[in-house]
Structure formats: C-alpha cells, structure tokens
N, C-alpha and C. Protein backbone atom coordinates (compact mmCIF):
# COMPACT_ATOMS: atom_id res chain seq x y z
N UNK A 1 182.89 77.64 12.95
CA UNK A 1 183.78 77.24 14.03
C UNK A 1 184.83 78.32 14.26
N UNK A 2 185.24 78.50 15.51
CA UNK A 2 186.23 79.50 15.86
C UNK A 2 187.63 79.05 15.44
N UNK A 3 188.40 79.95 14.81
CA UNK A 3 189.79 79.61 14.53
C UNK A 3 190.57 79.52 15.84
N UNK A 4 191.31 78.44 16.00
CA UNK A 4 192.02 78.20 17.25
C UNK A 4 192.97 79.34 17.58
N UNK A 5 193.67 79.85 16.58
CA UNK A 5 194.66 80.89 16.85
C UNK A 5 194.02 82.18 17.35
N UNK A 6 192.80 82.48 16.91
CA UNK A 6 192.11 83.67 17.43
C UNK A 6 191.73 83.46 18.89
N UNK A 7 191.34 82.26 19.24
CA UNK A 7 191.00 81.97 20.62
C UNK A 7 192.26 82.03 21.48
N UNK A 8 193.35 81.44 20.98
CA UNK A 8 194.63 81.49 21.71
C UNK A 8 195.07 82.93 21.94
N UNK A 9 194.87 83.78 20.95
CA UNK A 9 195.30 85.18 21.05
C UNK A 9 194.53 85.93 22.14
N UNK A 10 193.38 85.43 22.53
CA UNK A 10 192.61 86.06 23.60
C UNK A 10 193.25 85.84 24.97
N UNK A 11 194.16 84.91 25.04
CA UNK A 11 194.83 84.61 26.31
C UNK A 11 196.05 85.50 26.51
N UNK A 12 196.24 85.94 27.75
CA UNK A 12 197.43 86.73 28.06
C UNK A 12 198.55 85.86 28.63
N UNK A 13 198.33 84.55 28.68
CA UNK A 13 199.35 83.64 29.21
C UNK A 13 200.52 83.50 28.23
N UNK A 14 201.71 83.35 28.76
CA UNK A 14 202.87 83.07 27.93
C UNK A 14 202.68 81.72 27.23
N UNK A 15 203.31 81.57 26.10
CA UNK A 15 203.14 80.35 25.30
C UNK A 15 203.51 79.10 26.10
N UNK A 16 204.59 79.16 26.89
CA UNK A 16 204.98 77.98 27.66
C UNK A 16 203.95 77.65 28.74
N UNK A 17 203.31 78.67 29.29
CA UNK A 17 202.26 78.43 30.29
C UNK A 17 201.03 77.85 29.61
N UNK A 18 200.69 78.38 28.43
CA UNK A 18 199.57 77.82 27.66
C UNK A 18 199.81 76.34 27.39
N UNK A 19 201.02 76.00 27.00
CA UNK A 19 201.36 74.60 26.71
C UNK A 19 201.19 73.74 27.95
N UNK A 20 201.65 74.25 29.09
CA UNK A 20 201.52 73.48 30.34
C UNK A 20 200.05 73.27 30.71
N UNK A 21 199.23 74.29 30.52
CA UNK A 21 197.81 74.18 30.82
C UNK A 21 197.16 73.15 29.89
N UNK A 22 197.47 73.22 28.61
CA UNK A 22 196.89 72.27 27.65
C UNK A 22 197.33 70.84 27.97
N UNK A 23 198.56 70.65 28.38
CA UNK A 23 199.01 69.31 28.77
C UNK A 23 198.24 68.82 29.99
N UNK A 24 197.96 69.72 30.93
CA UNK A 24 197.20 69.34 32.12
C UNK A 24 195.76 68.98 31.73
N UNK A 25 195.19 69.69 30.76
CA UNK A 25 193.83 69.36 30.30
C UNK A 25 193.79 67.94 29.74
N UNK A 26 194.87 67.50 29.14
CA UNK A 26 194.91 66.14 28.60
C UNK A 26 194.92 65.10 29.72
N UNK A 27 195.33 65.50 30.92
CA UNK A 27 195.43 64.57 32.05
C UNK A 27 194.15 64.49 32.88
N UNK A 28 193.44 65.61 32.99
CA UNK A 28 192.29 65.69 33.87
C UNK A 28 191.00 65.88 33.09
N UNK A 29 189.88 65.71 33.76
CA UNK A 29 188.57 65.96 33.19
C UNK A 29 188.42 67.46 32.95
N UNK A 30 187.81 67.84 31.85
CA UNK A 30 187.69 69.27 31.53
C UNK A 30 186.36 69.88 31.95
N UNK A 31 185.52 69.13 32.65
CA UNK A 31 184.22 69.67 33.04
C UNK A 31 184.33 70.78 34.07
N UNK A 32 185.28 70.68 34.97
CA UNK A 32 185.43 71.66 36.05
C UNK A 32 186.82 72.25 36.02
N UNK A 33 186.93 73.54 36.31
CA UNK A 33 188.21 74.22 36.25
C UNK A 33 188.93 74.31 37.59
N UNK A 34 188.23 74.06 38.67
CA UNK A 34 188.87 74.17 39.99
C UNK A 34 190.13 73.29 40.11
N UNK A 35 190.12 72.05 39.59
CA UNK A 35 191.34 71.24 39.69
C UNK A 35 192.54 71.89 38.99
N UNK A 36 192.29 72.63 37.92
CA UNK A 36 193.37 73.30 37.20
C UNK A 36 193.84 74.53 37.97
N UNK A 37 192.87 75.25 38.52
CA UNK A 37 193.20 76.42 39.35
C UNK A 37 194.11 75.97 40.49
N UNK A 38 193.76 74.86 41.12
CA UNK A 38 194.56 74.31 42.21
C UNK A 38 195.92 73.80 41.71
N UNK A 39 195.90 73.10 40.57
CA UNK A 39 197.14 72.51 40.04
C UNK A 39 198.19 73.57 39.72
N UNK A 40 197.74 74.75 39.36
CA UNK A 40 198.67 75.84 39.05
C UNK A 40 198.76 76.83 40.20
N UNK A 41 198.53 76.32 41.41
CA UNK A 41 198.70 77.10 42.64
C UNK A 41 197.93 78.41 42.63
N UNK A 42 196.75 78.38 42.03
CA UNK A 42 195.84 79.53 41.98
C UNK A 42 196.48 80.74 41.31
N UNK A 43 197.48 80.52 40.46
CA UNK A 43 198.18 81.61 39.78
C UNK A 43 197.59 81.93 38.42
N UNK A 44 196.77 81.04 37.88
CA UNK A 44 196.15 81.29 36.59
C UNK A 44 194.68 81.59 36.85
N UNK A 45 194.24 82.76 36.41
CA UNK A 45 192.87 83.17 36.67
C UNK A 45 191.88 82.32 35.87
N UNK A 46 190.67 82.26 36.39
CA UNK A 46 189.64 81.45 35.75
C UNK A 46 189.35 81.89 34.32
N UNK A 47 189.40 83.20 34.05
CA UNK A 47 189.17 83.66 32.68
C UNK A 47 190.17 83.01 31.72
N UNK A 48 191.41 82.92 32.15
CA UNK A 48 192.44 82.29 31.32
C UNK A 48 192.18 80.79 31.17
N UNK A 49 191.76 80.16 32.24
CA UNK A 49 191.47 78.73 32.17
C UNK A 49 190.29 78.45 31.23
N UNK A 50 189.31 79.34 31.23
CA UNK A 50 188.18 79.18 30.30
C UNK A 50 188.67 79.25 28.85
N UNK A 51 189.53 80.21 28.58
CA UNK A 51 190.07 80.35 27.22
C UNK A 51 190.85 79.11 26.83
N UNK A 52 191.72 78.65 27.73
CA UNK A 52 192.56 77.50 27.41
C UNK A 52 191.74 76.22 27.28
N UNK A 53 190.66 76.10 28.05
CA UNK A 53 189.80 74.93 27.89
C UNK A 53 189.15 74.94 26.51
N UNK A 54 188.73 76.10 26.06
CA UNK A 54 188.15 76.20 24.72
C UNK A 54 189.19 75.84 23.66
N UNK A 55 190.41 76.31 23.82
CA UNK A 55 191.49 75.95 22.89
C UNK A 55 191.68 74.43 22.88
N UNK A 56 191.70 73.83 24.07
CA UNK A 56 191.86 72.38 24.17
C UNK A 56 190.74 71.66 23.43
N UNK A 57 189.51 72.10 23.67
CA UNK A 57 188.38 71.46 22.99
C UNK A 57 188.48 71.61 21.48
N UNK A 58 188.89 72.78 21.01
CA UNK A 58 189.02 73.00 19.57
C UNK A 58 190.15 72.16 18.98
N UNK A 59 191.26 72.07 19.70
CA UNK A 59 192.40 71.31 19.19
C UNK A 59 192.16 69.81 19.21
N UNK A 60 191.44 69.33 20.18
CA UNK A 60 191.24 67.89 20.29
C UNK A 60 189.91 67.44 19.71
N UNK A 61 189.10 68.40 19.30
CA UNK A 61 187.75 68.09 18.82
C UNK A 61 187.02 67.24 19.85
N UNK A 62 187.24 67.58 21.12
CA UNK A 62 186.66 66.82 22.23
C UNK A 62 185.84 67.74 23.12
N UNK A 63 184.74 68.29 22.57
CA UNK A 63 183.91 69.16 23.40
C UNK A 63 183.21 68.34 24.47
N UNK A 64 182.68 69.00 25.48
CA UNK A 64 182.00 68.27 26.55
C UNK A 64 180.78 67.54 26.02
N UNK A 65 180.44 66.47 26.68
CA UNK A 65 179.25 65.71 26.30
C UNK A 65 178.13 66.01 27.27
N UNK A 66 176.96 65.61 26.92
CA UNK A 66 175.82 65.79 27.83
C UNK A 66 175.47 67.25 28.03
N UNK A 67 175.09 67.57 29.25
CA UNK A 67 174.62 68.92 29.53
C UNK A 67 175.65 69.74 30.30
N UNK A 68 176.92 69.53 30.02
CA UNK A 68 177.97 70.24 30.74
C UNK A 68 177.82 71.75 30.59
N UNK A 69 177.48 72.20 29.39
CA UNK A 69 177.36 73.63 29.17
C UNK A 69 176.23 74.20 30.02
N UNK A 70 175.08 73.53 30.04
CA UNK A 70 173.99 74.04 30.87
C UNK A 70 174.34 73.93 32.35
N UNK A 71 175.07 72.90 32.74
CA UNK A 71 175.50 72.77 34.13
C UNK A 71 176.47 73.90 34.47
N UNK A 72 177.32 74.24 33.53
CA UNK A 72 178.25 75.35 33.72
C UNK A 72 177.49 76.64 33.96
N UNK A 73 176.50 76.92 33.10
CA UNK A 73 175.73 78.15 33.25
C UNK A 73 174.92 78.14 34.55
N UNK A 74 174.44 76.99 34.92
CA UNK A 74 173.71 76.88 36.18
C UNK A 74 174.64 77.22 37.36
N UNK A 75 175.83 76.69 37.33
CA UNK A 75 176.81 76.97 38.38
C UNK A 75 177.20 78.45 38.38
N UNK A 76 177.39 79.01 37.19
CA UNK A 76 177.72 80.42 37.08
C UNK A 76 176.61 81.29 37.66
N UNK A 77 175.38 80.93 37.39
CA UNK A 77 174.23 81.66 37.94
C UNK A 77 174.22 81.59 39.46
N UNK A 78 174.55 80.43 40.02
CA UNK A 78 174.61 80.28 41.48
C UNK A 78 175.69 81.18 42.07
N UNK A 79 176.84 81.20 41.43
CA UNK A 79 177.94 82.03 41.92
C UNK A 79 177.56 83.50 41.83
N UNK A 80 177.00 83.90 40.69
CA UNK A 80 176.64 85.31 40.50
C UNK A 80 175.52 85.74 41.44
N UNK A 81 174.71 84.81 41.92
CA UNK A 81 173.67 85.16 42.89
C UNK A 81 174.30 85.66 44.18
N UNK A 82 175.47 85.13 44.52
CA UNK A 82 176.18 85.54 45.74
C UNK A 82 177.22 86.62 45.48
N UNK A 83 177.83 86.59 44.31
CA UNK A 83 178.91 87.52 43.98
C UNK A 83 178.66 88.06 42.57
N UNK A 84 177.91 89.13 42.49
CA UNK A 84 177.44 89.62 41.18
C UNK A 84 178.56 90.05 40.24
N UNK A 85 179.74 90.37 40.76
CA UNK A 85 180.85 90.79 39.89
C UNK A 85 181.78 89.61 39.54
N UNK A 86 181.40 88.41 39.93
CA UNK A 86 182.23 87.23 39.63
C UNK A 86 182.48 87.12 38.13
N UNK A 87 183.72 86.82 37.78
CA UNK A 87 184.17 86.59 36.40
C UNK A 87 184.11 87.83 35.52
N UNK A 88 183.86 88.99 36.11
CA UNK A 88 183.90 90.24 35.35
C UNK A 88 185.32 90.78 35.40
N UNK A 89 185.67 91.60 34.43
CA UNK A 89 186.99 92.23 34.44
C UNK A 89 187.10 93.19 35.62
N UNK A 90 188.29 93.26 36.15
CA UNK A 90 188.54 94.17 37.27
C UNK A 90 188.75 95.58 36.74
N UNK A 91 188.24 96.56 37.47
CA UNK A 91 188.45 97.96 37.13
C UNK A 91 189.57 98.52 38.00
N UNK A 92 190.11 99.65 37.59
CA UNK A 92 191.15 100.31 38.38
C UNK A 92 190.60 100.72 39.75
N UNK A 93 189.35 101.15 39.78
CA UNK A 93 188.73 101.52 41.06
C UNK A 93 188.62 100.32 41.99
N UNK A 94 188.26 99.16 41.43
CA UNK A 94 188.17 97.95 42.25
C UNK A 94 189.54 97.54 42.78
N UNK A 95 190.56 97.67 41.94
CA UNK A 95 191.92 97.35 42.38
C UNK A 95 192.33 98.25 43.54
N UNK A 96 192.02 99.52 43.42
CA UNK A 96 192.36 100.47 44.49
C UNK A 96 191.59 100.14 45.77
N UNK A 97 190.30 99.85 45.61
CA UNK A 97 189.48 99.50 46.78
C UNK A 97 189.99 98.22 47.44
N UNK A 98 190.36 97.24 46.62
CA UNK A 98 190.91 95.99 47.14
C UNK A 98 192.17 96.26 47.95
N UNK A 99 193.06 97.06 47.40
CA UNK A 99 194.31 97.36 48.10
C UNK A 99 194.05 98.07 49.42
N UNK A 100 193.10 98.99 49.43
CA UNK A 100 192.78 99.72 50.66
C UNK A 100 192.18 98.79 51.71
N UNK A 101 191.23 97.97 51.29
CA UNK A 101 190.59 97.05 52.23
C UNK A 101 191.61 96.07 52.81
N UNK A 102 192.48 95.55 51.95
CA UNK A 102 193.48 94.60 52.41
C UNK A 102 194.48 95.28 53.34
N UNK A 103 194.89 96.49 52.99
CA UNK A 103 195.83 97.24 53.84
C UNK A 103 195.22 97.55 55.20
N UNK A 104 193.91 97.71 55.23
CA UNK A 104 193.21 97.97 56.50
C UNK A 104 192.86 96.68 57.24
N UNK A 105 193.42 95.57 56.75
CA UNK A 105 193.32 94.27 57.41
C UNK A 105 191.89 93.71 57.52
N UNK A 106 191.08 94.02 56.50
CA UNK A 106 189.74 93.41 56.46
C UNK A 106 189.89 91.94 56.07
N UNK A 107 189.03 91.11 56.59
CA UNK A 107 189.04 89.68 56.26
C UNK A 107 188.72 89.49 54.77
N UNK A 108 189.27 88.44 54.19
CA UNK A 108 189.04 88.15 52.77
C UNK A 108 187.55 88.05 52.46
N UNK A 109 186.79 87.41 53.34
CA UNK A 109 185.34 87.27 53.09
C UNK A 109 184.66 88.64 53.08
N UNK A 110 185.09 89.53 53.95
CA UNK A 110 184.52 90.89 53.98
C UNK A 110 184.86 91.62 52.68
N UNK A 111 186.10 91.47 52.24
CA UNK A 111 186.51 92.10 50.97
C UNK A 111 185.71 91.51 49.82
N UNK A 112 185.55 90.19 49.82
CA UNK A 112 184.78 89.52 48.76
C UNK A 112 183.35 90.04 48.73
N UNK A 113 182.74 90.15 49.88
CA UNK A 113 181.36 90.65 49.93
C UNK A 113 181.28 92.10 49.48
N UNK A 114 182.22 92.91 49.89
CA UNK A 114 182.23 94.32 49.52
C UNK A 114 182.38 94.49 48.01
N UNK A 115 183.31 93.74 47.42
CA UNK A 115 183.58 93.86 45.99
C UNK A 115 182.68 92.96 45.14
N UNK A 116 181.85 92.18 45.81
CA UNK A 116 180.91 91.27 45.14
C UNK A 116 181.64 90.27 44.24
N UNK A 117 182.74 89.73 44.78
CA UNK A 117 183.55 88.75 44.07
C UNK A 117 183.83 87.57 45.00
N UNK A 118 184.17 86.44 44.42
CA UNK A 118 184.46 85.25 45.21
C UNK A 118 185.76 85.43 45.99
N UNK A 119 185.85 84.80 47.16
CA UNK A 119 187.11 84.87 47.92
C UNK A 119 188.31 84.41 47.10
N UNK A 120 188.14 83.39 46.29
CA UNK A 120 189.26 82.92 45.46
C UNK A 120 189.71 83.99 44.47
N UNK A 121 188.77 84.80 43.98
CA UNK A 121 189.12 85.89 43.07
C UNK A 121 189.90 86.97 43.81
N UNK A 122 189.55 87.20 45.07
CA UNK A 122 190.27 88.18 45.88
C UNK A 122 191.72 87.73 46.06
N UNK A 123 191.92 86.45 46.40
CA UNK A 123 193.27 85.91 46.56
C UNK A 123 194.06 86.04 45.26
N UNK A 124 193.43 85.67 44.15
CA UNK A 124 194.10 85.71 42.85
C UNK A 124 194.51 87.14 42.49
N UNK A 125 193.61 88.07 42.71
CA UNK A 125 193.89 89.46 42.35
C UNK A 125 195.00 90.03 43.23
N UNK A 126 194.99 89.71 44.51
CA UNK A 126 196.06 90.18 45.40
C UNK A 126 197.42 89.66 44.92
N UNK A 127 197.46 88.41 44.48
CA UNK A 127 198.71 87.85 43.94
C UNK A 127 199.10 88.55 42.64
N UNK A 128 198.13 88.75 41.77
CA UNK A 128 198.41 89.39 40.48
C UNK A 128 198.94 90.80 40.67
N UNK A 129 198.43 91.51 41.68
CA UNK A 129 198.88 92.87 41.96
C UNK A 129 200.20 92.90 42.74
N UNK A 130 200.68 91.71 43.13
CA UNK A 130 201.95 91.62 43.86
C UNK A 130 201.85 92.02 45.32
N UNK A 131 200.66 91.96 45.86
CA UNK A 131 200.43 92.36 47.25
C UNK A 131 200.73 91.21 48.20
N UNK A 132 200.45 90.00 47.77
CA UNK A 132 200.76 88.83 48.59
C UNK A 132 201.63 87.88 47.79
C-alpha cells in the first residue's frame, strides 16, 4: 500500500487547499472529478484532483467500488482519442505556443485542437500562467 504522506507530497497544493479538497471529497461522490473542478472554480488542475482523491481513498479506506477504475480508464481513452496530450505535463514550448495563440485571439477550441488538449485544460493553463 502507498504511504499517504508520499502521495500527499506529490501534490503542489498548499496544505490548506489540500484540506479543503479533502473536505469536499467527504461531501460529494468521488467517482468523477468534474464536480470538484467546478466547485473550486476550475482553479485546481485535474492532476491535483487525482492526487487528492487518492489521498482521500487512502485516508478513509474507501476506494471506489465496482468497475470505477475501468470506467475511468475508458473515459480517459475517449478523451485521449480527441486530445492526445490530455493530462500530460505542460512543456515550456506548449506554454509559449498557448500564449501566442491566445494573444493572436484564436478561439479556445482552435487552441485546444492545436495543442491536442481539452478546452478546460486550456482555460486552466491560461489562469495558471496569469493570462486570464
């Protein structure tokens, strides 16, 4: 079993934000992360939510039941079929390309298609870079 503190250390979220996310996991179903992404005004990236969900499961000994994991992978495969760079780490080149495309007033969907990432990832990255 994974030590909880090693999993927590993988997160770049501040401790108070981690606590808030874990409290929200106690309130909502943990099968889908979109409600959490929305609850935190799209300010917490999905990678962080994945880490915090794992921490929650480890702390509560409440892993998903049924075929949630296979459903997750199935959904991930569907997303990656359309956006092959989805959930991958951003590179400096991608950040630069994103900034240029956005500065040139390209539509979010066009930027998403160009960078092979979901539109929600484009919005999140623009916020993280302080552009919007």
